[in-house]
Amino acid sequence: MINKLIKTKLFCFLALLIVLSLYGCASHVRISDIKNNPSKYQDKQVIVKGKVLEILGLSFVNKGVYQIDDGTDTIWVFSNNVPSKGEKVTVKGEVKNVLTVNDRTFGIVIVEKEK
C-alpha cells in the first residue's frame, strides 16, 4: 500500500515537472503567421528561425537590418548584431507593425532582443 502511494506521488511529481518545463519553453512562430495576423503579434515577443537573405547596414559596426526567410515568408529584423548573408539564425524579438529608418519604411518587422 505504501509502495503504491510512493509510486503515485512520484508519477504526479514527474508529470508536473514535465508540464512546467514544457510551459516554460517558447516555440518559434512561422513568419507567415506573423504576416497574416499582425495584430495578434503586435508588440509581442516572438521567436523565429530562418536563413538570412539580405543585409542593410554598417558591417564594420555590425548594426543594421537583415531579412530572413523561414520557408513560409520573409521578415526584416532590426538588430545590434547583424549575421552574415546565408547564415541560419534564431531570432527573439518584438514585432512592430511599421518602422521607418532613414526615409525607408519597413512593414511588419522584428526588433531583435536576443539571437
PDB file of N, CA and C in Angstrom:
ATOM      1  N   MET A   1       0.827  -1.199   0.000  1.00  0.00           N
ATOM      2  CA  MET A   1       0.000   0.000   0.000  1.00  0.00           C
ATOM      3  C   MET A   1       0.870   1.261   0.000  1.00  0.00           C
ATOM      4  N   ILE A   2       1.874   1.293   0.880  1.00  0.00           N
ATOM      5  CA  ILE A   2       2.768   2.458   0.956  1.00  0.00           C
ATOM      6  C   ILE A   2       3.579   2.565  -0.329  1.00  0.00           C
ATOM      7  N   ASN A   3       4.030   1.442  -0.853  1.00  0.00           N
ATOM      8  CA  ASN A   3       4.800   1.434  -2.089  1.00  0.00           C
ATOM      9  C   ASN A   3       3.989   2.020  -3.243  1.00  0.00           C
ATOM     10  N   LYS A   4       2.706   1.683  -3.342  1.00  0.00           N
ATOM     11  CA  LYS A   4       1.826   2.211  -4.392  1.00  0.00           C
ATOM     12  C   LYS A   4       1.624   3.712  -4.224  1.00  0.00           C
ATOM     13  N   LEU A   5       1.495   4.176  -2.990  1.00  0.00           N
ATOM     14  CA  LEU A   5       1.333   5.601  -2.705  1.00  0.00           C
ATOM     15  C   LEU A   5       2.577   6.379  -3.121  1.00  0.00           C
ATOM     16  N   ILE A   6       3.744   5.827  -2.844  1.00  0.00           N
ATOM     17  CA  ILE A   6       5.004   6.485  -3.227  1.00  0.00           C
ATOM     18  C   ILE A   6       5.106   6.557  -4.752  1.00  0.00           C
ATOM     19  N   LYS A   7       4.763   5.476  -5.436  1.00  0.00           N
ATOM     20  CA  LYS A   7       4.811   5.468  -6.901  1.00  0.00           C
ATOM     21  C   LYS A   7       3.845   6.490  -7.491  1.00  0.00           C
ATOM     22  N   THR A   8       2.653   6.591  -6.911  1.00  0.00           N
ATOM     23  CA  THR A   8       1.655   7.550  -7.393  1.00  0.00           C
ATOM     24  C   THR A   8       2.148   8.979  -7.205  1.00  0.00           C
ATOM     25  N   LYS A   9       2.716   9.277  -6.037  1.00  0.00           N
ATOM     26  CA  LYS A   9       3.237  10.625  -5.785  1.00  0.00           C
ATOM     27  C   LYS A   9       4.407  10.942  -6.704  1.00  0.00           C
ATOM     28  N   LEU A  10       5.277   9.953  -6.918  1.00  0.00           N
ATOM     29  CA  LEU A  10       6.416  10.148  -7.805  1.00  0.00           C
ATOM     30  C   LEU A  10       5.945  10.417  -9.234  1.00  0.00           C
ATOM     31  N   PHE A  11       4.962   9.655  -9.698  1.00  0.00           N
ATOM     32  CA  PHE A  11       4.401   9.849 -11.030  1.00  0.00           C
ATOM     33  C   PHE A  11       3.811  11.255 -11.172  1.00  0.00           C
ATOM     34  N   CYS A  12       3.029  11.682 -10.171  1.00  0.00           N
ATOM     35  CA  CYS A  12       2.418  13.025 -10.210  1.00  0.00           C
ATOM     36  C   CYS A  12       3.487  14.110 -10.215  1.00  0.00           C
ATOM     37  N   PHE A  13       4.526  13.929  -9.433  1.00  0.00           N
ATOM     38  CA  PHE A  13       5.612  14.904  -9.374  1.00  0.00           C
ATOM     39  C   PHE A  13       6.315  15.002 -10.737  1.00  0.00           C
ATOM     40  N   LEU A  14       6.627  13.866 -11.344  1.00  0.00           N
ATOM     41  CA  LEU A  14       7.297  13.872 -12.649  1.00  0.00           C
ATOM     42  C   LEU A  14       6.406  14.468 -13.733  1.00  0.00           C
ATOM     43  N   ALA A  15       5.121  14.141 -13.696  1.00  0.00           N
ATOM     44  CA  ALA A  15       4.184  14.713 -14.670  1.00  0.00           C
ATOM     45  C   ALA A  15       4.121  16.229 -14.530  1.00  0.00           C
ATOM     46  N   LEU A  16       4.069  16.717 -13.313  1.00  0.00           N
ATOM     47  CA  LEU A  16       4.053  18.159 -13.072  1.00  0.00           C
ATOM     48  C   LEU A  16       5.334  18.813 -13.556  1.00  0.00           C
ATOM     49  N   LEU A  17       6.458  18.184 -13.321  1.00  0.00           N
ATOM     50  CA  LEU A  17       7.743  18.702 -13.765  1.00  0.00           C
ATOM     51  C   LEU A  17       7.793  18.815 -15.287  1.00  0.00           C
ATOM     52  N   ILE A  18       7.287  17.803 -15.972  1.00  0.00           N
ATOM     53  CA  ILE A  18       7.275  17.821 -17.442  1.00  0.00           C
ATOM     54  C   ILE A  18       6.374  18.941 -17.955  1.00  0.00           C
ATOM     55  N   VAL A  19       5.200  19.082 -17.378  1.00  0.00           N
ATOM     56  CA  VAL A  19       4.268  20.133 -17.801  1.00  0.00           C
ATOM     57  C   VAL A  19       4.884  21.510 -17.588  1.00  0.00           C
ATOM     58  N   LEU A  20       5.503  21.735 -16.447  1.00  0.00           N
ATOM     59  CA  LEU A  20       6.116  23.034 -16.165  1.00  0.00           C
ATOM     60  C   LEU A  20       7.283  23.317 -17.092  1.00  0.00           C
ATOM     61  N   SER A  21       8.077  22.310 -17.401  1.00  0.00           N
ATOM     62  CA  SER A  21       9.210  22.542 -18.298  1.00  0.00           C
ATOM     63  C   SER A  21       8.736  22.835 -19.713  1.00  0.00           C
ATOM     64  N   LEU A  22       7.683  22.168 -20.166  1.00  0.00           N
ATOM     65  CA  LEU A  22       7.142  22.453 -21.492  1.00  0.00           C
ATOM     66  C   LEU A  22       6.492  23.822 -21.551  1.00  0.00           C
ATOM     67  N   TYR A  23       5.851  24.226 -20.476  1.00  0.00           N
ATOM     68  CA  TYR A  23       5.202  25.532 -20.419  1.00  0.00           C
ATOM     69  C   TYR A  23       6.230  26.643 -20.528  1.00  0.00           C
ATOM     70  N   GLY A  24       7.399  26.443 -19.948  1.00  0.00           N
ATOM     71  CA  GLY A  24       8.443  27.464 -19.959  1.00  0.00           C
ATOM     72  C   GLY A  24       9.196  27.557 -21.262  1.00  0.00           C
ATOM     73  N   CYS A  25       9.096  26.570 -22.121  1.00  0.00           N
ATOM     74  CA  CYS A  25       9.822  26.557 -23.385  1.00  0.00           C
ATOM     75  C   CYS A  25       9.033  27.311 -24.450  1.00  0.00           C
ATOM     76  N   ALA A  26       9.649  28.330 -24.993  1.00  0.00           N
ATOM     77  CA  ALA A  26       8.979  29.082 -26.053  1.00  0.00           C
ATOM     78  C   ALA A  26       9.269  28.411 -27.386  1.00  0.00           C
ATOM     79  N   SER A  27       8.248  28.247 -28.194  1.00  0.00           N
ATOM     80  CA  SER A  27       8.462  27.669 -29.515  1.00  0.00           C
ATOM     81  C   SER A  27       8.467  28.796 -30.537  1.00  0.00           C
ATOM     82  N   HIS A  28       9.037  28.506 -31.674  1.00  0.00           N
ATOM     83  CA  HIS A  28       9.127  29.553 -32.687  1.00  0.00           C
ATOM     84  C   HIS A  28       7.801  29.701 -33.428  1.00  0.00           C
ATOM     85  N   VAL A  29       7.643  30.865 -34.023  1.00  0.00           N
ATOM     86  CA  VAL A  29       6.439  31.237 -34.767  1.00  0.00           C
ATOM     87  C   VAL A  29       6.817  31.285 -36.248  1.00  0.00           C
ATOM     88  N   ARG A  30       5.916  30.855 -37.103  1.00  0.00           N
ATOM     89  CA  ARG A  30       6.163  30.971 -38.543  1.00  0.00           C
ATOM     90  C   ARG A  30       5.987  32.428 -38.961  1.00  0.00           C
ATOM     91  N   ILE A  31       6.855  32.881 -39.832  1.00  0.00           N
ATOM     92  CA  ILE A  31       6.785  34.261 -40.310  1.00  0.00           C
ATOM     93  C   ILE A  31       5.451  34.518 -41.013  1.00  0.00           C
ATOM     94  N   SER A  32       4.950  33.545 -41.740  1.00  0.00           N
ATOM     95  CA  SER A  32       3.662  33.733 -42.413  1.00  0.00           C
ATOM     96  C   SER A  32       2.541  33.970 -41.406  1.00  0.00           C
ATOM     97  N   ASP A  33       2.611  33.341 -40.225  1.00  0.00           N
ATOM     98  CA  ASP A  33       1.600  33.590 -39.186  1.00  0.00           C
ATOM     99  C   ASP A  33       1.648  35.041 -38.721  1.00  0.00           C
ATOM    100  N   ILE A  34       2.850  35.574 -38.565  1.00  0.00           N
ATOM    101  CA  ILE A  34       3.010  36.978 -38.155  1.00  0.00           C
ATOM    102  C   ILE A  34       2.458  37.900 -39.232  1.00  0.00           C
ATOM    103  N   LYS A  35       2.814  37.640 -40.480  1.00  0.00           N
ATOM    104  CA  LYS A  35       2.385  38.493 -41.586  1.00  0.00           C
ATOM    105  C   LYS A  35       0.874  38.414 -41.822  1.00  0.00           C
ATOM    106  N   ASN A  36       0.294  37.226 -41.634  1.00  0.00           N
ATOM    107  CA  ASN A  36      -1.138  37.047 -41.879  1.00  0.00           C
ATOM    108  C   ASN A  36      -2.011  37.552 -40.745  1.00  0.00           C
ATOM    109  N   ASN A  37      -1.449  37.735 -39.564  1.00  0.00           N
ATOM    110  CA  ASN A  37      -2.220  38.191 -38.410  1.00  0.00           C
ATOM    111  C   ASN A  37      -1.362  39.133 -37.546  1.00  0.00           C
ATOM    112  N   PRO A  38      -0.945  40.263 -38.113  1.00  0.00           N
ATOM    113  CA  PRO A  38      -0.009  41.142 -37.400  1.00  0.00           C
ATOM    114  C   PRO A  38      -0.553  41.694 -36.089  1.00  0.00           C
ATOM    115  N   SER A  39      -1.846  41.920 -35.992  1.00  0.00           N
ATOM    116  CA  SER A  39      -2.399  42.479 -34.748  1.00  0.00           C
ATOM    117  C   SER A  39      -2.245  41.507 -33.578  1.00  0.00           C
ATOM    118  N   LYS A  40      -2.252  40.215 -33.855  1.00  0.00           N
ATOM    119  CA  LYS A  40      -2.077  39.210 -32.801  1.00  0.00           C
ATOM    120  C   LYS A  40      -0.673  39.276 -32.202  1.00  0.00           C
ATOM    121  N   TYR A  41       0.310  39.627 -33.034  1.00  0.00           N
ATOM    122  CA  TYR A  41       1.712  39.610 -32.605  1.00  0.00           C
ATOM    123  C   TYR A  41       2.274  40.998 -32.300  1.00  0.00           C
ATOM    124  N   GLN A  42       1.520  42.059 -32.616  1.00  0.00           N
ATOM    125  CA  GLN A  42       1.992  43.438 -32.402  1.00  0.00           C
ATOM    126  C   GLN A  42       2.491  43.641 -30.978  1.00  0.00           C
ATOM    127  N   ASP A  43       3.723  44.140 -30.840  1.00  0.00           N
ATOM    128  CA  ASP A  43       4.367  44.438 -29.552  1.00  0.00           C
ATOM    129  C   ASP A  43       4.543  43.203 -28.666  1.00  0.00           C
ATOM    130  N   LYS A  44       4.519  42.017 -29.262  1.00  0.00           N
ATOM    131  CA  LYS A  44       4.707  40.768 -28.520  1.00  0.00           C
ATOM    132  C   LYS A  44       6.082  40.193 -28.831  1.00  0.00           C
ATOM    133  N   GLN A  45       6.631  39.453 -27.868  1.00  0.00           N
ATOM    134  CA  GLN A  45       7.885  38.744 -28.077  1.00  0.00           C
ATOM    135  C   GLN A  45       7.620  37.490 -28.907  1.00  0.00           C
ATOM    136  N   VAL A  46       8.434  37.251 -29.915  1.00  0.00           N
ATOM    137  CA  VAL A  46       8.333  36.051 -30.732  1.00  0.00           C
ATOM    138  C   VAL A  46       9.732  35.480 -30.952  1.00  0.00           C
ATOM    139  N   ILE A  47       9.745  34.229 -31.353  1.00  0.00           N
ATOM    140  CA  ILE A  47      10.984  33.585 -31.780  1.00  0.00           C
ATOM    141  C   ILE A  47      10.744  33.081 -33.195  1.00  0.00           C
ATOM    142  N   VAL A  48      11.618  33.472 -34.107  1.00  0.00           N
ATOM    143  CA  VAL A  48      11.539  32.984 -35.485  1.00  0.00           C
ATOM    144  C   VAL A  48      12.893  32.395 -35.867  1.00  0.00           C
ATOM    145  N   LYS A  49      12.850  31.446 -36.789  1.00  0.00           N
ATOM    146  CA  LYS A  49      14.069  30.822 -37.299  1.00  0.00           C
ATOM    147  C   LYS A  49      14.064  30.943 -38.803  1.00  0.00           C
ATOM    148  N   GLY A  50      15.226  31.186 -39.370  1.00  0.00           N
ATOM    149  CA  GLY A  50      15.285  31.280 -40.813  1.00  0.00           C
ATOM    150  C   GLY A  50      16.688  31.517 -41.324  1.00  0.00           C
ATOM    151  N   LYS A  51      16.771  31.727 -42.618  1.00  0.00           N
ATOM    152  CA  LYS A  51      18.039  31.959 -43.298  1.00  0.00           C
ATOM    153  C   LYS A  51      18.123  33.419 -43.716  1.00  0.00           C
ATOM    154  N   VAL A  52      19.260  34.042 -43.490  1.00  0.00           N
ATOM    155  CA  VAL A  52      19.471  35.451 -43.827  1.00  0.00           C
ATOM    156  C   VAL A  52      19.579  35.598 -45.344  1.00  0.00           C
ATOM    157  N   LEU A  53      18.674  36.432 -45.913  1.00  0.00           N
ATOM    158  CA  LEU A  53      18.650  36.657 -47.359  1.00  0.00           C
ATOM    159  C   LEU A  53      19.385  37.922 -47.762  1.00  0.00           C
ATOM    160  N   GLU A  54      19.164  38.988 -47.010  1.00  0.00           N
ATOM    161  CA  GLU A  54      19.680  40.312 -47.390  1.00  0.00           C
ATOM    162  C   GLU A  54      20.087  41.079 -46.140  1.00  0.00           C
ATOM    163  N   ILE A  55      21.095  41.917 -46.285  1.00  0.00           N
ATOM    164  CA  ILE A  55      21.592  42.720 -45.165  1.00  0.00           C
ATOM    165  C   ILE A  55      21.657  44.179 -45.595  1.00  0.00           C
ATOM    166  N   LEU A  56      21.132  45.063 -44.746  1.00  0.00           N
ATOM    167  CA  LEU A  56      21.270  46.503 -44.947  1.00  0.00           C
ATOM    168  C   LEU A  56      21.890  47.039 -43.657  1.00  0.00           C
ATOM    169  N   GLY A  57      23.053  47.629 -43.745  1.00  0.00           N
ATOM    170  CA  GLY A  57      23.639  48.141 -42.516  1.00  0.00           C
ATOM    171  C   GLY A  57      25.100  48.446 -42.673  1.00  0.00           C
ATOM    172  N   LEU A  58      25.697  48.677 -41.542  1.00  0.00           N
ATOM    173  CA  LEU A  58      27.102  49.008 -41.474  1.00  0.00           C
ATOM    174  C   LEU A  58      27.857  47.784 -40.966  1.00  0.00           C
ATOM    175  N   SER A  59      28.478  47.074 -41.874  1.00  0.00           N
ATOM    176  CA  SER A  59      29.121  45.816 -41.496  1.00  0.00           C
ATOM    177  C   SER A  59      30.254  46.011 -40.492  1.00  0.00           C
ATOM    178  N   PHE A  60      30.936  47.153 -40.536  1.00  0.00           N
ATOM    179  CA  PHE A  60      32.060  47.355 -39.628  1.00  0.00           C
ATOM    180  C   PHE A  60      31.620  47.608 -38.186  1.00  0.00           C
ATOM    181  N   VAL A  61      30.360  48.009 -37.955  1.00  0.00           N
ATOM    182  CA  VAL A  61      29.864  48.161 -36.583  1.00  0.00           C
ATOM    183  C   VAL A  61      28.837  47.082 -36.250  1.00  0.00           C
ATOM    184  N   ASN A  62      28.519  46.247 -37.242  1.00  0.00           N
ATOM    185  CA  ASN A  62      27.635  45.099 -37.049  1.00  0.00           C
ATOM    186  C   ASN A  62      26.210  45.463 -36.668  1.00  0.00           C
ATOM    187  N   LYS A  63      25.766  46.688 -36.932  1.00  0.00           N
ATOM    188  CA  LYS A  63      24.392  47.105 -36.656  1.00  0.00           C
ATOM    189  C   LYS A  63      23.651  47.275 -37.960  1.00  0.00           C
ATOM    190  N   GLY A  64      22.362  46.991 -37.927  1.00  0.00           N
ATOM    191  CA  GLY A  64      21.595  47.203 -39.138  1.00  0.00           C
ATOM    192  C   GLY A  64      20.324  46.398 -39.188  1.00  0.00           C
ATOM    193  N   VAL A  65      19.946  46.069 -40.409  1.00  0.00           N
ATOM    194  CA  VAL A  65      18.703  45.371 -40.674  1.00  0.00           C
ATOM    195  C   VAL A  65      19.037  44.185 -41.575  1.00  0.00           C
ATOM    196  N   TYR A  66      18.404  43.076 -41.290  1.00  0.00           N
ATOM    197  CA  TYR A  66      18.568  41.944 -42.190  1.00  0.00           C
ATOM    198  C   TYR A  66      17.234  41.246 -42.397  1.00  0.00           C
ATOM    199  N   GLN A  67      17.110  40.613 -43.543  1.00  0.00           N
ATOM    200  CA  GLN A  67      15.870  39.928 -43.898  1.00  0.00           C
ATOM    201  C   GLN A  67      16.092  38.422 -43.789  1.00  0.00           C
ATOM    202  N   ILE A  68      15.124  37.737 -43.145  1.00  0.00           N
ATOM    203  CA  ILE A  68      15.224  36.286 -43.051  1.00  0.00           C
ATOM    204  C   ILE A  68      14.018  35.618 -43.702  1.00  0.00           C
ATOM    205  N   ASP A  69      14.232  34.383 -44.122  1.00  0.00           N
ATOM    206  CA  ASP A  69      13.203  33.568 -44.762  1.00  0.00           C
ATOM    207  C   ASP A  69      13.127  32.246 -44.012  1.00  0.00           C
ATOM    208  N   ASP A  70      11.920  31.885 -43.564  1.00  0.00           N
ATOM    209  CA  ASP A  70      11.756  30.611 -42.858  1.00  0.00           C
ATOM    210  C   ASP A  70      11.073  29.556 -43.717  1.00  0.00           C
ATOM    211  N   GLY A  71      10.913  29.850 -45.006  1.00  0.00           N
ATOM    212  CA  GLY A  71      10.247  28.915 -45.904  1.00  0.00           C
ATOM    213  C   GLY A  71       8.767  29.200 -46.059  1.00  0.00           C
ATOM    214  N   THR A  72       8.207  30.026 -45.146  1.00  0.00           N
ATOM    215  CA  THR A  72       6.797  30.392 -45.268  1.00  0.00           C
ATOM    216  C   THR A  72       6.634  31.832 -45.723  1.00  0.00           C
ATOM    217  N   ASP A  73       7.617  32.682 -45.435  1.00  0.00           N
ATOM    218  CA  ASP A  73       7.585  34.103 -45.796  1.00  0.00           C
ATOM    219  C   ASP A  73       8.904  34.725 -45.360  1.00  0.00           C
ATOM    220  N   THR A  74       9.033  36.030 -45.580  1.00  0.00           N
ATOM    221  CA  THR A  74      10.227  36.751 -45.150  1.00  0.00           C
ATOM    222  C   THR A  74       9.839  37.884 -44.216  1.00  0.00           C
ATOM    223  N   ILE A  75      10.811  38.324 -43.393  1.00  0.00           N
ATOM    224  CA  ILE A  75      10.583  39.454 -42.498  1.00  0.00           C
ATOM    225  C   ILE A  75      11.921  40.143 -42.252  1.00  0.00           C
ATOM    226  N   TRP A  76      11.863  41.457 -42.027  1.00  0.00           N
ATOM    227  CA  TRP A  76      13.048  42.237 -41.705  1.00  0.00           C
ATOM    228  C   TRP A  76      13.267  42.215 -40.199  1.00  0.00           C
ATOM    229  N   VAL A  77      14.534  42.168 -39.800  1.00  0.00           N
ATOM    230  CA  VAL A  77      14.918  42.149 -38.394  1.00  0.00           C
ATOM    231  C   VAL A  77      15.879  43.301 -38.144  1.00  0.00           C
ATOM    232  N   PHE A  78      15.543  44.164 -37.174  1.00  0.00           N
ATOM    233  CA  PHE A  78      16.436  45.249 -36.761  1.00  0.00           C
ATOM    234  C   PHE A  78      17.282  44.727 -35.619  1.00  0.00           C
ATOM    235  N   SER A  79      18.608  44.903 -35.728  1.00  0.00           N
ATOM    236  CA  SER A  79      19.496  44.233 -34.783  1.00  0.00           C
ATOM    237  C   SER A  79      20.759  45.034 -34.503  1.00  0.00           C
ATOM    238  N   ASN A  80      21.328  44.777 -33.338  1.00  0.00           N
ATOM    239  CA  ASN A  80      22.643  45.309 -32.987  1.00  0.00           C
ATOM    240  C   ASN A  80      23.730  44.288 -33.291  1.00  0.00           C
ATOM    241  N   ASN A  81      23.337  43.151 -33.853  1.00  0.00           N
ATOM    242  CA  ASN A  81      24.282  42.082 -34.153  1.00  0.00           C
ATOM    243  C   ASN A  81      23.866  41.405 -35.458  1.00  0.00           C
ATOM    244  N   VAL A  82      24.256  41.988 -36.564  1.00  0.00           N
ATOM    245  CA  VAL A  82      23.831  41.510 -37.877  1.00  0.00           C
ATOM    246  C   VAL A  82      24.669  40.295 -38.283  1.00  0.00           C
ATOM    247  N   PRO A  83      23.990  39.196 -38.626  1.00  0.00           N
ATOM    248  CA  PRO A  83      24.716  37.995 -39.062  1.00  0.00           C
ATOM    249  C   PRO A  83      25.151  38.116 -40.522  1.00  0.00           C
ATOM    250  N   SER A  84      25.789  37.094 -41.015  1.00  0.00           N
ATOM    251  CA  SER A  84      26.232  37.059 -42.402  1.00  0.00           C
ATOM    252  C   SER A  84      25.115  36.570 -43.319  1.00  0.00           C
ATOM    253  N   LYS A  85      25.164  37.011 -44.553  1.00  0.00           N
ATOM    254  CA  LYS A  85      24.203  36.553 -45.549  1.00  0.00           C
ATOM    255  C   LYS A  85      24.342  35.040 -45.701  1.00  0.00           C
ATOM    256  N   GLY A  86      23.191  34.346 -45.743  1.00  0.00           N
ATOM    257  CA  GLY A  86      23.189  32.900 -45.885  1.00  0.00           C
ATOM    258  C   GLY A  86      23.211  32.144 -44.564  1.00  0.00           C
ATOM    259  N   GLU A  87      23.483  32.853 -43.474  1.00  0.00           N
ATOM    260  CA  GLU A  87      23.540  32.219 -42.154  1.00  0.00           C
ATOM    261  C   GLU A  87      22.142  31.832 -41.673  1.00  0.00           C
ATOM    262  N   LYS A  88      22.035  30.694 -40.994  1.00  0.00           N
ATOM    263  CA  LYS A  88      20.777  30.292 -40.370  1.00  0.00           C
ATOM    264  C   LYS A  88      20.753  30.849 -38.962  1.00  0.00           C
ATOM    265  N   VAL A  89      19.639  31.521 -38.607  1.00  0.00           N
ATOM    266  CA  VAL A  89      19.563  32.208 -37.325  1.00  0.00           C
ATOM    267  C   VAL A  89      18.256  31.891 -36.599  1.00  0.00           C
ATOM    268  N   THR A  90      18.308  32.063 -35.296  1.00  0.00           N
ATOM    269  CA  THR A  90      17.115  32.048 -34.452  1.00  0.00           C
ATOM    270  C   THR A  90      17.047  33.429 -33.825  1.00  0.00           C
ATOM    271  N   VAL A  91      15.928  34.106 -34.007  1.00  0.00           N
ATOM    272  CA  VAL A  91      15.777  35.488 -33.566  1.00  0.00           C
ATOM    273  C   VAL A  91      14.681  35.574 -32.507  1.00  0.00           C
ATOM    274  N   LYS A  92      14.992  36.261 -31.411  1.00  0.00           N
ATOM    275  CA  LYS A  92      13.980  36.555 -30.400  1.00  0.00           C
ATOM    276  C   LYS A  92      13.834  38.068 -30.371  1.00  0.00           C
ATOM    277  N   GLY A  93      12.604  38.530 -30.571  1.00  0.00           N
ATOM    278  CA  GLY A  93      12.401  39.968 -30.599  1.00  0.00           C
ATOM    279  C   GLY A  93      10.940  40.329 -30.565  1.00  0.00           C
ATOM    280  N   GLU A  94      10.701  41.635 -30.675  1.00  0.00           N
ATOM    281  CA  GLU A  94       9.350  42.181 -30.572  1.00  0.00           C
ATOM    282  C   GLU A  94       8.849  42.604 -31.948  1.00  0.00           C
ATOM    283  N   VAL A  95       7.619  42.216 -32.260  1.00  0.00           N
ATOM    284  CA  VAL A  95       7.017  42.534 -33.553  1.00  0.00           C
ATOM    285  C   VAL A  95       6.503  43.975 -33.544  1.00  0.00           C
ATOM    286  N   LYS A  96       6.866  44.705 -34.576  1.00  0.00           N
ATOM    287  CA  LYS A  96       6.384  46.072 -34.774  1.00  0.00           C
ATOM    288  C   LYS A  96       5.699  46.137 -36.130  1.00  0.00           C
ATOM    289  N   ASN A  97       4.635  46.919 -36.220  1.00  0.00           N
ATOM    290  CA  ASN A  97       3.838  46.951 -37.439  1.00  0.00           C
ATOM    291  C   ASN A  97       4.491  47.749 -38.551  1.00  0.00           C
ATOM    292  N   VAL A  98       4.971  48.929 -38.272  1.00  0.00           N
ATOM    293  CA  VAL A  98       5.633  49.751 -39.281  1.00  0.00           C
ATOM    294  C   VAL A  98       6.797  50.465 -38.621  1.00  0.00           C
ATOM    295  N   LEU A  99       7.921  50.481 -39.303  1.00  0.00           N
ATOM    296  CA  LEU A  99       9.095  51.152 -38.774  1.00  0.00           C
ATOM    297  C   LEU A  99       9.761  51.906 -39.917  1.00  0.00           C
ATOM    298  N   THR A 100      10.127  53.169 -39.669  1.00  0.00           N
ATOM    299  CA  THR A 100      10.792  53.983 -40.680  1.00  0.00           C
ATOM    300  C   THR A 100      12.190  54.329 -40.189  1.00  0.00           C
ATOM    301  N   VAL A 101      13.166  54.068 -41.046  1.00  0.00           N
ATOM    302  CA  VAL A 101      14.563  54.378 -40.737  1.00  0.00           C
ATOM    303  C   VAL A 101      15.168  55.049 -41.954  1.00  0.00           C
ATOM    304  N   ASN A 102      15.735  56.244 -41.736  1.00  0.00           N
ATOM    305  CA  ASN A 102      16.382  56.996 -42.825  1.00  0.00           C
ATOM    306  C   ASN A 102      15.515  57.066 -44.076  1.00  0.00           C
ATOM    307  N   ASP A 103      14.297  57.505 -43.924  1.00  0.00           N
ATOM    308  CA  ASP A 103      13.346  57.690 -45.024  1.00  0.00           C
ATOM    309  C   ASP A 103      12.922  56.394 -45.721  1.00  0.00           C
ATOM    310  N   ARG A 104      13.285  55.249 -45.161  1.00  0.00           N
ATOM    311  CA  ARG A 104      12.826  53.971 -45.723  1.00  0.00           C
ATOM    312  C   ARG A 104      11.834  53.353 -44.747  1.00  0.00           C
ATOM    313  N   THR A 105      10.661  52.999 -45.264  1.00  0.00           N
ATOM    314  CA  THR A 105       9.617  52.421 -44.417  1.00  0.00           C
ATOM    315  C   THR A 105       9.605  50.910 -44.595  1.00  0.00           C
ATOM    316  N   PHE A 106       9.641  50.222 -43.462  1.00  0.00           N
ATOM    317  CA  PHE A 106       9.552  48.773 -43.443  1.00  0.00           C
ATOM    318  C   PHE A 106       8.185  48.422 -42.879  1.00  0.00           C
ATOM    319  N   GLY A 107       7.546  47.419 -43.443  1.00  0.00           N
ATOM    320  CA  GLY A 107       6.240  46.979 -42.953  1.00  0.00           C
ATOM    321  C   GLY A 107       6.375  46.297 -41.599  1.00  0.00           C
ATOM    322  N   ILE A 108       5.898  45.096 -41.491  1.00  0.00           N
ATOM    323  CA  ILE A 108       5.982  44.331 -40.260  1.00  0.00           C
ATOM    324  C   ILE A 108       7.431  43.890 -40.075  1.00  0.00           C
ATOM    325  N   VAL A 109       7.988  44.187 -38.909  1.00  0.00           N
ATOM    326  CA  VAL A 109       9.376  43.887 -38.615  1.00  0.00           C
ATOM    327  C   VAL A 109       9.505  43.260 -37.221  1.00  0.00           C
ATOM    328  N   ILE A 110      10.696  42.746 -36.959  1.00  0.00           N
ATOM    329  CA  ILE A 110      11.039  42.287 -35.610  1.00  0.00           C
ATOM    330  C   ILE A 110      12.209  43.112 -35.129  1.00  0.00           C
ATOM    331  N   VAL A 111      12.076  43.697 -33.945  1.00  0.00           N
ATOM    332  CA  VAL A 111      13.182  44.398 -33.311  1.00  0.00           C
ATOM    333  C   VAL A 111      13.835  43.378 -32.380  1.00  0.00           C
ATOM    334  N   GLU A 112      15.030  42.952 -32.743  1.00  0.00           N
ATOM    335  CA  GLU A 112      15.680  41.848 -32.053  1.00  0.00           C
ATOM    336  C   GLU A 112      16.102  42.197 -30.638  1.00  0.00           C
ATOM    337  N   LYS A 113      15.821  41.271 -29.731  1.00  0.00           N
ATOM    338  CA  LYS A 113      16.246  41.391 -28.335  1.00  0.00           C
ATOM    339  C   LYS A 113      17.405  40.457 -28.070  1.00  0.00           C
ATOM    340  N   GLU A 114      17.344  39.245 -28.646  1.00  0.00           N
ATOM    341  CA  GLU A 114      18.380  38.222 -28.487  1.00  0.00           C
ATOM    342  C   GLU A 114      18.515  37.458 -29.784  1.00  0.00           C
ATOM    343  N   LYS A 115      19.619  36.764 -29.905  1.00  0.00           N
ATOM    344  CA  LYS A 115      19.778  35.865 -31.048  1.00  0.00           C
ATOM    345  C   LYS A 115      20.112  34.499 -30.531  1.00  0.00           C
TER     346      LYS A 115
END
